[in-house]
N, C-alpha and C. Protein backbone atom coordinates (compact mmCIF):
# COMPACT_ATOMS: atom_id res chain seq x y z
N MET A 1 -12.70 14.07 -24.50
CA MET A 1 -12.74 14.01 -25.57
C MET A 1 -14.00 15.60 -25.57
N PRO A 2 -13.89 16.18 -27.11
CA PRO A 2 -14.69 17.39 -26.74
C PRO A 2 -16.40 17.32 -26.64
N LYS A 3 -16.90 18.07 -26.20
CA LYS A 3 -18.48 17.88 -25.84
C LYS A 3 -18.98 18.15 -27.80
N ARG A 4 -20.24 17.52 -27.97
CA ARG A 4 -20.53 17.57 -29.01
C ARG A 4 -21.24 19.33 -29.36
N LYS A 5 -21.38 19.46 -30.85
CA LYS A 5 -22.10 20.89 -30.87
C LYS A 5 -23.70 20.59 -30.25
N GLU A 6 -24.11 19.67 -30.59
CA GLU A 6 -25.86 19.78 -29.95
C GLU A 6 -25.93 18.17 -29.29
N GLN A 7 -26.01 18.72 -28.28
CA GLN A 7 -26.85 17.76 -27.68
C GLN A 7 -27.88 16.70 -27.67
N ILE A 8 -27.46 15.49 -28.25
CA ILE A 8 -28.59 14.19 -28.75
C ILE A 8 -29.52 14.06 -27.29
N HIS A 9 -30.50 14.47 -27.33
CA HIS A 9 -31.48 14.20 -26.17
C HIS A 9 -32.81 14.20 -26.50
N THR A 10 -32.76 14.76 -27.72
CA THR A 10 -34.32 14.74 -27.99
C THR A 10 -35.58 13.57 -28.26
N ALA A 11 -35.78 13.10 -27.20
CA ALA A 11 -36.80 12.08 -27.32
C ALA A 11 -37.83 12.34 -28.35
N GLY A 12 -38.18 11.39 -29.55
CA GLY A 12 -39.03 11.76 -30.58
C GLY A 12 -38.69 12.25 -31.73
N ARG A 13 -37.41 12.69 -31.56
CA ARG A 13 -36.55 13.40 -32.73
C ARG A 13 -35.99 12.20 -33.73
N PRO A 14 -36.43 12.27 -35.04
CA PRO A 14 -35.41 11.39 -35.59
C PRO A 14 -33.93 11.61 -35.85
N TYR A 15 -33.02 10.70 -36.11
CA TYR A 15 -31.63 11.14 -36.25
C TYR A 15 -31.30 10.13 -36.99
N HIS A 16 -29.94 10.26 -37.91
CA HIS A 16 -29.28 9.52 -38.66
C HIS A 16 -27.62 9.31 -37.84
N VAL A 17 -27.62 8.08 -37.72
CA VAL A 17 -26.56 7.95 -36.95
C VAL A 17 -25.87 7.06 -37.51
N LEU A 18 -24.41 7.33 -37.96
CA LEU A 18 -23.41 6.24 -38.32
C LEU A 18 -21.68 6.57 -37.58
N SER A 19 -21.39 5.17 -38.22
CA SER A 19 -19.92 4.96 -37.54
C SER A 19 -18.74 4.22 -38.60
N ARG A 20 -17.58 4.70 -38.39
CA ARG A 20 -17.13 4.02 -39.87
C ARG A 20 -15.84 3.72 -38.85
N ALA A 21 -15.30 2.16 -39.73
CA ALA A 21 -13.92 1.63 -38.80
C ALA A 21 -13.18 2.22 -39.30
N VAL A 22 -12.12 1.97 -38.23
CA VAL A 22 -10.46 2.68 -38.37
C VAL A 22 -10.01 1.90 -39.61
N GLU A 23 -9.57 3.32 -40.33
CA GLU A 23 -8.13 2.63 -41.52
C GLU A 23 -8.87 1.57 -42.70
N GLY A 24 -10.69 1.82 -42.55
CA GLY A 24 -11.10 1.60 -43.88
C GLY A 24 -11.24 -0.23 -43.27
N ARG A 25 -11.30 -0.64 -42.55
CA ARG A 25 -11.22 -1.87 -42.11
C ARG A 25 -12.09 -2.70 -42.38
N GLY A 26 -12.46 -3.56 -42.96
CA GLY A 26 -13.71 -4.58 -42.89
C GLY A 26 -13.99 -5.34 -41.75
N ILE A 27 -15.20 -4.74 -41.30
CA ILE A 27 -15.87 -5.53 -39.81
C ILE A 27 -17.14 -6.11 -39.91
N PHE A 28 -17.89 -6.37 -41.09
CA PHE A 28 -19.00 -7.03 -41.16
C PHE A 28 -18.41 -7.71 -42.47
N GLU A 29 -17.52 -8.62 -42.87
CA GLU A 29 -17.25 -8.97 -44.13
C GLU A 29 -17.56 -10.45 -43.48
N SER A 30 -17.82 -11.22 -42.54
CA SER A 30 -18.09 -12.46 -42.08
C SER A 30 -19.46 -12.54 -41.65
N LYS A 31 -20.34 -13.79 -41.85
CA LYS A 31 -21.55 -13.96 -41.35
C LYS A 31 -21.80 -13.72 -39.83
N GLU A 32 -20.96 -14.50 -38.82
CA GLU A 32 -20.49 -14.54 -37.52
C GLU A 32 -20.75 -12.96 -37.35
N ASP A 33 -19.94 -12.03 -37.86
CA ASP A 33 -19.59 -10.80 -37.44
C ASP A 33 -20.77 -10.32 -37.78
N CYS A 34 -21.57 -10.01 -38.57
CA CYS A 34 -22.84 -9.48 -38.92
C CYS A 34 -23.66 -9.81 -37.80
N ALA A 35 -23.68 -11.09 -37.66
CA ALA A 35 -24.58 -11.56 -36.67
C ALA A 35 -24.45 -11.52 -35.17
N ARG A 36 -22.90 -11.04 -34.99
CA ARG A 36 -22.87 -10.58 -33.49
C ARG A 36 -23.49 -8.88 -33.23
N PHE A 37 -23.14 -8.52 -34.64
CA PHE A 37 -23.44 -6.96 -34.42
C PHE A 37 -25.06 -7.06 -34.38
N LEU A 38 -25.25 -7.60 -35.15
CA LEU A 38 -26.91 -7.42 -34.82
C LEU A 38 -27.51 -7.81 -33.55
N PHE A 39 -27.12 -8.91 -33.23
CA PHE A 39 -27.55 -9.67 -31.48
C PHE A 39 -27.01 -8.20 -30.68
N GLN A 40 -25.78 -7.43 -30.85
CA GLN A 40 -25.24 -6.48 -29.85
C GLN A 40 -26.65 -5.33 -29.93
N MET A 41 -27.17 -5.09 -31.31
CA MET A 41 -27.89 -3.88 -31.77
C MET A 41 -29.16 -4.03 -30.75
N HIS A 42 -29.61 -5.40 -30.33
CA HIS A 42 -30.72 -5.74 -29.46
C HIS A 42 -30.25 -5.26 -28.41
N ALA A 43 -29.04 -6.08 -27.66
CA ALA A 43 -28.59 -6.37 -26.46
C ALA A 43 -28.50 -5.09 -26.35
N ALA A 44 -28.09 -4.14 -26.59
CA ALA A 44 -27.49 -2.81 -25.84
C ALA A 44 -28.74 -2.00 -25.61
N ASN A 45 -29.63 -2.40 -26.43
CA ASN A 45 -30.86 -1.38 -26.26
C ASN A 45 -31.63 -1.62 -25.37
N ILE A 46 -31.63 -2.80 -24.54
CA ILE A 46 -32.44 -3.29 -23.44
C ILE A 46 -31.79 -3.81 -22.45
N GLY A 47 -30.44 -4.20 -22.58
CA GLY A 47 -29.43 -4.53 -21.37
C GLY A 47 -28.27 -5.05 -21.73
N SER A 48 -27.89 -6.42 -21.84
CA SER A 48 -26.63 -7.03 -21.85
C SER A 48 -26.70 -8.33 -22.22
N PRO A 49 -25.28 -8.81 -23.13
CA PRO A 49 -25.69 -9.96 -23.15
C PRO A 49 -25.76 -10.93 -22.22
N ALA A 50 -26.31 -12.05 -22.27
CA ALA A 50 -26.33 -12.93 -20.94
C ALA A 50 -25.06 -13.55 -21.13
N PRO A 51 -24.34 -14.10 -20.02
CA PRO A 51 -23.14 -14.55 -19.97
C PRO A 51 -23.22 -16.20 -20.44
N ASN A 52 -21.90 -16.82 -20.89
CA ASN A 52 -21.70 -17.69 -21.60
C ASN A 52 -22.36 -17.90 -22.91
N LEU A 53 -22.62 -16.91 -23.50
CA LEU A 53 -22.99 -16.92 -25.09
C LEU A 53 -22.40 -17.46 -25.93
N TYR A 54 -22.61 -18.75 -26.79
CA TYR A 54 -21.84 -19.20 -27.34
C TYR A 54 -22.05 -18.55 -28.91
N ARG A 55 -20.78 -18.69 -30.09
CA ARG A 55 -21.04 -18.85 -31.25
C ARG A 55 -22.27 -19.10 -32.04
N ARG A 56 -22.62 -20.41 -31.88
CA ARG A 56 -23.59 -20.94 -32.20
C ARG A 56 -24.98 -20.28 -32.33
N ASN A 57 -25.18 -20.02 -31.29
CA ASN A 57 -26.38 -19.13 -30.66
C ASN A 57 -26.41 -17.52 -31.12
N LEU A 58 -25.45 -17.39 -31.48
CA LEU A 58 -25.67 -15.82 -32.18
C LEU A 58 -26.42 -15.64 -33.50
N GLU A 59 -26.12 -16.84 -34.22
CA GLU A 59 -26.31 -16.76 -35.45
C GLU A 59 -27.94 -17.01 -35.28
N GLU A 60 -27.97 -17.88 -34.15
CA GLU A 60 -29.50 -18.07 -34.27
C GLU A 60 -30.50 -16.72 -33.92
N ALA A 61 -29.98 -16.09 -32.67
CA ALA A 61 -30.31 -14.93 -32.22
C ALA A 61 -30.51 -13.95 -33.30
N ALA A 62 -29.65 -13.74 -33.90
CA ALA A 62 -29.52 -12.45 -35.24
C ALA A 62 -30.79 -13.31 -36.34
N ASP A 63 -30.80 -14.74 -36.67
CA ASP A 63 -31.91 -14.64 -37.65
C ASP A 63 -33.60 -14.40 -36.95
N LEU A 64 -33.69 -14.61 -35.52
CA LEU A 64 -34.68 -14.29 -34.58
C LEU A 64 -34.96 -12.96 -34.86
N LEU A 65 -33.91 -12.24 -34.68
CA LEU A 65 -34.29 -10.63 -34.75
C LEU A 65 -34.53 -10.35 -36.01
N LEU A 66 -34.25 -11.00 -37.45
CA LEU A 66 -34.56 -10.54 -38.39
C LEU A 66 -35.53 -10.91 -39.17
N GLU A 67 -36.37 -12.00 -38.41
CA GLU A 67 -37.36 -12.20 -38.87
C GLU A 67 -38.66 -11.75 -38.11
N GLY A 68 -38.40 -10.96 -37.01
CA GLY A 68 -39.13 -9.93 -36.23
C GLY A 68 -39.70 -10.69 -35.21
N LYS A 69 -39.05 -11.84 -34.71
CA LYS A 69 -39.10 -12.46 -33.20
C LYS A 69 -38.80 -11.83 -32.10
N ASN A 70 -38.93 -12.37 -31.32
CA ASN A 70 -38.43 -11.74 -29.84
C ASN A 70 -38.28 -12.94 -28.79
N ALA A 71 -37.92 -13.71 -29.15
CA ALA A 71 -37.49 -15.17 -28.44
C ALA A 71 -36.20 -15.00 -27.89
N LEU A 72 -35.71 -14.01 -27.55
CA LEU A 72 -34.13 -13.65 -26.89
C LEU A 72 -34.16 -13.85 -25.30
N GLU A 73 -34.71 -14.48 -25.05
CA GLU A 73 -35.14 -14.28 -23.64
C GLU A 73 -33.93 -14.75 -22.77
N LYS A 74 -33.35 -16.37 -23.39
CA LYS A 74 -32.08 -16.68 -22.89
C LYS A 74 -30.61 -15.96 -23.26
N PHE A 75 -30.94 -15.47 -24.50
CA PHE A 75 -29.70 -14.72 -24.85
C PHE A 75 -29.43 -12.73 -24.33
N VAL A 76 -30.61 -12.20 -23.89
CA VAL A 76 -30.09 -11.08 -23.39
C VAL A 76 -30.54 -10.94 -21.64
N GLN A 77 -30.13 -10.47 -20.92
CA GLN A 77 -30.52 -9.94 -19.94
C GLN A 77 -31.29 -8.78 -19.43
N PRO A 78 -32.21 -8.11 -20.04
CA PRO A 78 -33.08 -7.06 -19.64
C PRO A 78 -32.46 -6.22 -18.48
N GLN A 79 -31.84 -4.88 -18.57
CA GLN A 79 -32.05 -4.32 -17.55
C GLN A 79 -32.99 -2.57 -17.44
N HIS A 80 -33.21 -2.19 -18.86
CA HIS A 80 -34.24 -1.23 -18.77
C HIS A 80 -34.82 -1.27 -19.83
N PRO A 81 -35.96 -0.19 -20.17
CA PRO A 81 -36.49 -0.25 -21.15
C PRO A 81 -35.83 0.25 -22.58
N PRO A 82 -36.34 0.20 -23.94
CA PRO A 82 -35.74 0.47 -25.08
C PRO A 82 -34.65 1.78 -24.86
N LEU A 83 -33.65 2.18 -25.41
CA LEU A 83 -32.88 3.05 -25.55
C LEU A 83 -33.67 4.11 -26.49
N VAL A 84 -33.38 3.21 -27.59
CA VAL A 84 -33.66 3.69 -28.96
C VAL A 84 -35.13 3.00 -29.84
N GLU A 85 -35.41 3.55 -30.78
CA GLU A 85 -36.39 2.68 -31.79
C GLU A 85 -35.70 3.07 -33.15
N PHE A 86 -35.69 2.05 -33.57
CA PHE A 86 -34.89 1.51 -35.14
C PHE A 86 -36.05 1.91 -36.17
N PHE A 87 -35.66 2.49 -36.94
CA PHE A 87 -36.68 2.89 -38.46
C PHE A 87 -36.23 2.46 -39.41
N SER A 88 -34.56 2.13 -39.71
CA SER A 88 -33.71 1.53 -40.66
C SER A 88 -32.47 1.63 -40.03
N PHE A 89 -32.02 0.54 -41.11
CA PHE A 89 -30.53 0.23 -40.73
C PHE A 89 -29.94 -0.33 -41.98
N VAL A 90 -28.44 0.02 -42.09
CA VAL A 90 -27.50 -0.91 -42.85
C VAL A 90 -26.45 -1.15 -42.64
N LEU A 91 -25.44 -2.20 -42.51
CA LEU A 91 -24.27 -2.84 -42.22
C LEU A 91 -23.56 -2.76 -43.45
N ALA A 92 -22.86 -1.75 -43.69
CA ALA A 92 -21.92 -1.91 -45.06
C ALA A 92 -20.50 -2.59 -44.58
N ARG A 93 -19.66 -2.66 -45.45
CA ARG A 93 -18.08 -3.34 -45.20
C ARG A 93 -17.89 -2.68 -43.83
N ASP A 94 -17.60 -1.73 -44.02
CA ASP A 94 -16.20 -1.31 -43.03
C ASP A 94 -17.75 0.35 -42.12
N HIS A 95 -18.60 0.13 -42.90
CA HIS A 95 -19.11 1.16 -41.29
C HIS A 95 -20.72 0.49 -41.44
N TYR A 96 -21.96 1.66 -40.50
CA TYR A 96 -22.78 1.55 -40.51
C TYR A 96 -24.13 2.91 -40.61
N HIS A 97 -25.12 2.56 -40.89
CA HIS A 97 -25.85 3.76 -40.81
C HIS A 97 -27.29 2.83 -39.96
N PHE A 98 -27.44 3.98 -39.60
CA PHE A 98 -29.05 4.06 -38.30
C PHE A 98 -30.12 4.73 -38.77
N GLY A 99 -31.23 4.42 -38.52
CA GLY A 99 -32.25 5.50 -38.29
C GLY A 99 -32.98 5.54 -37.54
N VAL A 100 -32.96 6.35 -36.28
CA VAL A 100 -33.29 6.09 -35.04
C VAL A 100 -33.85 7.02 -34.48
N VAL A 101 -34.97 6.82 -33.45
CA VAL A 101 -35.72 7.78 -32.56
C VAL A 101 -35.27 7.37 -30.98
N PRO A 102 -34.62 8.65 -30.45
CA PRO A 102 -34.74 8.34 -28.91
C PRO A 102 -35.62 8.09 -28.13
N ALA A 103 -35.64 7.06 -27.14
CA ALA A 103 -36.75 6.66 -26.66
C ALA A 103 -36.88 7.92 -25.37
N VAL A 104 -35.73 7.82 -24.70
CA VAL A 104 -35.49 8.44 -23.71
C VAL A 104 -34.45 9.65 -23.84
N LYS A 105 -34.61 10.34 -22.66
CA LYS A 105 -33.93 11.79 -22.88
C LYS A 105 -31.93 11.17 -22.61
N GLY A 106 -31.20 11.36 -23.86
CA GLY A 106 -29.88 10.58 -23.60
C GLY A 106 -29.26 9.35 -24.02
N GLY A 107 -30.69 8.87 -24.84
CA GLY A 107 -30.69 7.44 -25.35
C GLY A 107 -29.64 7.29 -26.32
N ILE A 108 -29.79 8.01 -27.34
CA ILE A 108 -28.97 7.66 -28.63
C ILE A 108 -27.46 7.70 -27.72
N SER A 109 -27.06 8.54 -26.97
CA SER A 109 -25.25 8.77 -26.53
C SER A 109 -25.31 7.31 -25.56
N LEU A 110 -25.95 7.10 -24.69
CA LEU A 110 -25.79 5.68 -24.20
C LEU A 110 -25.81 4.61 -24.77
N TYR A 111 -26.72 4.15 -25.88
CA TYR A 111 -27.07 3.25 -26.96
C TYR A 111 -26.08 3.12 -27.58
N MET A 112 -25.10 3.89 -27.98
CA MET A 112 -23.90 4.12 -28.96
C MET A 112 -22.70 3.57 -28.19
N GLN A 113 -22.53 3.87 -26.90
CA GLN A 113 -21.55 3.71 -26.13
C GLN A 113 -21.48 2.39 -25.75
N LYS A 114 -22.81 1.58 -25.55
CA LYS A 114 -22.61 0.21 -25.24
C LYS A 114 -22.36 -0.70 -26.22
N LEU A 115 -23.20 0.04 -27.52
CA LEU A 115 -23.06 -1.11 -28.91
C LEU A 115 -21.44 -0.74 -28.98
N ASN A 116 -20.86 -0.11 -29.63
CA ASN A 116 -19.74 0.49 -29.98
C ASN A 116 -18.17 -0.02 -28.95
N LEU A 117 -18.77 -0.36 -27.46
CA LEU A 117 -18.11 -1.02 -26.84
C LEU A 117 -17.95 -2.53 -26.91
N GLY A 118 -19.39 -2.52 -26.90
CA GLY A 118 -19.39 -4.58 -26.95
C GLY A 118 -18.92 -4.65 -28.07
N PHE A 119 -19.14 -4.17 -29.02
CA PHE A 119 -18.93 -4.99 -30.40
C PHE A 119 -17.37 -4.68 -30.77
N ALA A 120 -16.61 -3.78 -30.25
CA ALA A 120 -15.25 -3.67 -30.55
C ALA A 120 -14.58 -4.56 -29.59
N LYS A 121 -15.16 -4.66 -28.49
CA LYS A 121 -14.32 -5.78 -27.49
C LYS A 121 -14.25 -7.27 -28.32
N TYR A 122 -15.96 -7.81 -28.88
CA TYR A 122 -15.98 -9.03 -29.00
C TYR A 122 -15.05 -8.86 -30.35
N PHE A 123 -15.01 -8.02 -31.34
CA PHE A 123 -13.91 -7.52 -32.70
C PHE A 123 -12.76 -8.21 -32.24
N ASN A 124 -12.29 -7.20 -31.41
CA ASN A 124 -10.79 -7.41 -31.01
C ASN A 124 -10.48 -8.68 -30.33
N ILE A 125 -11.47 -9.47 -29.57
CA ILE A 125 -10.72 -10.66 -29.20
C ILE A 125 -10.79 -11.64 -30.27
N LYS A 126 -11.80 -11.67 -31.16
CA LYS A 126 -11.76 -12.75 -32.12
C LYS A 126 -10.78 -12.62 -32.92
N HIS A 127 -10.32 -11.32 -33.35
CA HIS A 127 -9.42 -11.09 -34.45
C HIS A 127 -8.05 -10.81 -34.10
N LYS A 128 -7.62 -10.80 -32.58
CA LYS A 128 -6.15 -10.93 -31.88
C LYS A 128 -5.80 -9.41 -32.17
N ARG A 129 -6.53 -8.47 -31.91
CA ARG A 129 -5.91 -6.98 -31.68
C ARG A 129 -6.52 -6.36 -31.13
N ARG A 130 -5.55 -5.20 -30.89
CA ARG A 130 -5.98 -4.38 -29.69
C ARG A 130 -6.46 -2.67 -30.14
N GLY A 131 -6.70 -2.18 -29.40
CA GLY A 131 -7.16 -0.49 -29.85
C GLY A 131 -8.50 -0.09 -30.34
N SER A 132 -8.54 1.15 -30.65
CA SER A 132 -9.99 1.34 -31.25
C SER A 132 -10.21 0.51 -32.76
N LEU A 133 -11.48 0.47 -32.72
CA LEU A 133 -12.11 -0.50 -33.95
C LEU A 133 -12.73 0.82 -34.77
N PHE A 134 -13.34 1.86 -33.99
CA PHE A 134 -14.18 2.84 -34.78
C PHE A 134 -13.40 4.16 -34.69
N GLU A 135 -13.34 4.82 -36.17
CA GLU A 135 -12.64 5.84 -36.41
C GLU A 135 -12.67 7.07 -35.19
N THR A 136 -13.67 7.66 -35.19
CA THR A 136 -14.09 8.55 -34.39
C THR A 136 -15.32 8.29 -33.37
N ARG A 137 -15.63 9.42 -32.76
CA ARG A 137 -16.88 9.17 -32.41
C ARG A 137 -18.31 8.97 -33.66
N PHE A 138 -19.83 8.47 -32.93
CA PHE A 138 -20.03 8.31 -33.91
C PHE A 138 -21.42 9.43 -34.47
N GLN A 139 -21.10 9.41 -35.32
CA GLN A 139 -21.99 10.85 -36.04
C GLN A 139 -23.48 10.30 -35.86
N ALA A 140 -24.40 11.57 -35.50
CA ALA A 140 -25.40 11.67 -35.29
C ALA A 140 -26.15 13.01 -35.55
N LEU A 141 -26.93 13.15 -36.85
CA LEU A 141 -27.47 14.30 -37.31
C LEU A 141 -28.86 14.11 -37.37
N PRO A 142 -29.41 15.66 -36.53
CA PRO A 142 -31.05 15.20 -36.62
C PRO A 142 -31.51 15.45 -37.77
N ILE A 143 -32.56 14.89 -38.30
CA ILE A 143 -33.63 14.94 -39.30
C ILE A 143 -34.56 15.92 -39.16
N ARG A 144 -34.77 16.84 -39.82
CA ARG A 144 -35.67 18.38 -39.40
C ARG A 144 -36.94 18.34 -40.20
N ASN A 145 -37.01 17.50 -41.32
CA ASN A 145 -38.43 17.75 -41.74
C ASN A 145 -38.48 16.53 -42.88
N SER A 146 -39.72 16.37 -43.31
CA SER A 146 -39.83 15.07 -44.00
C SER A 146 -39.49 14.69 -44.96
N ASP A 147 -38.58 15.95 -46.09
CA ASP A 147 -37.80 16.05 -46.92
C ASP A 147 -36.29 15.36 -46.47
N GLN A 148 -35.82 15.44 -45.53
CA GLN A 148 -34.91 15.32 -44.96
C GLN A 148 -35.07 13.26 -44.51
N LEU A 149 -36.04 13.01 -44.02
CA LEU A 149 -36.57 12.06 -43.72
C LEU A 149 -36.47 10.86 -44.64
N VAL A 150 -37.14 11.26 -45.93
CA VAL A 150 -37.28 10.59 -47.07
C VAL A 150 -36.01 10.27 -47.50
N ALA A 151 -35.00 11.32 -47.96
CA ALA A 151 -33.48 11.07 -48.36
C ALA A 151 -32.80 10.46 -47.44
N LEU A 152 -33.02 10.38 -46.01
CA LEU A 152 -32.06 9.41 -45.22
C LEU A 152 -32.66 7.97 -45.58
N THR A 153 -33.93 7.83 -45.53
CA THR A 153 -34.05 6.62 -45.51
C THR A 153 -33.97 5.74 -47.10
N GLN A 154 -33.98 6.26 -48.08
CA GLN A 154 -33.45 6.03 -49.33
C GLN A 154 -31.72 5.90 -49.31
N HIS A 155 -31.11 6.34 -48.72
CA HIS A 155 -29.44 6.62 -48.82
C HIS A 155 -29.72 5.03 -47.64
N ILE A 156 -30.44 4.81 -46.62
CA ILE A 156 -30.14 3.74 -45.97
C ILE A 156 -30.62 2.64 -46.76
N ASN A 157 -31.71 2.44 -47.14
CA ASN A 157 -32.22 1.36 -47.48
C ASN A 157 -31.80 1.00 -49.15
N VAL A 158 -31.42 1.86 -49.76
CA VAL A 158 -31.31 1.89 -51.34
C VAL A 158 -29.81 1.94 -51.67
N LYS A 159 -29.24 3.09 -51.20
CA LYS A 159 -27.84 3.08 -51.86
C LYS A 159 -27.24 2.27 -51.31
N ASN A 160 -27.14 2.46 -49.58
CA ASN A 160 -26.10 1.44 -49.24
C ASN A 160 -25.81 -0.28 -49.45
N VAL A 161 -27.15 -0.42 -49.32
CA VAL A 161 -27.60 -1.81 -49.86
C VAL A 161 -26.93 -2.30 -50.91
N LEU A 162 -27.18 -1.32 -52.47
CA LEU A 162 -26.22 -1.79 -53.65
C LEU A 162 -25.09 -1.68 -53.42
N ASP A 163 -24.41 -0.69 -52.55
CA ASP A 163 -22.99 -0.37 -52.62
C ASP A 163 -22.40 -1.97 -52.14
N VAL A 164 -23.07 -2.47 -51.38
CA VAL A 164 -22.52 -3.75 -50.72
C VAL A 164 -22.81 -5.08 -51.72
N TYR A 165 -23.52 -5.12 -52.88
CA TYR A 165 -23.38 -5.89 -53.57
C TYR A 165 -22.75 -5.66 -54.96
N GLN A 166 -22.24 -4.74 -54.97
CA GLN A 166 -21.01 -4.16 -56.15
C GLN A 166 -19.59 -5.14 -55.99
């Protein structure tokens, strides 16, 4: 694959990260798929999912994460400090948006590789399909000033949430 124009490695700088599903495919239409993605967001950031993770555990893990609780020791095998810090995110029907700050050099790239590959593997097995789940490599746009940060936060927290309920 071609190299990115800008290397994503500036720790401490906020980024707008997004990725879309192939063919406009709905990948967040069931509660189970949303729960798995939320769990995968956490697991990819600090390590990997524990073996023998069952579906009932996924919804429990996602609920704990959304409540701000960190009682996921039995669900995740920690392997490293967090790669990114989230300040906002939304899951739309066929894509997602993140507002993140990399915690380590190259954190976004490593995190996105683990997240997208892990979720695609789960999704393909569950839905008996093969091939790429996401259109292209994720997009990561640097936030250069406070006006861009406000606009991004409004875009993620307001516009996309309203689109989901239409």
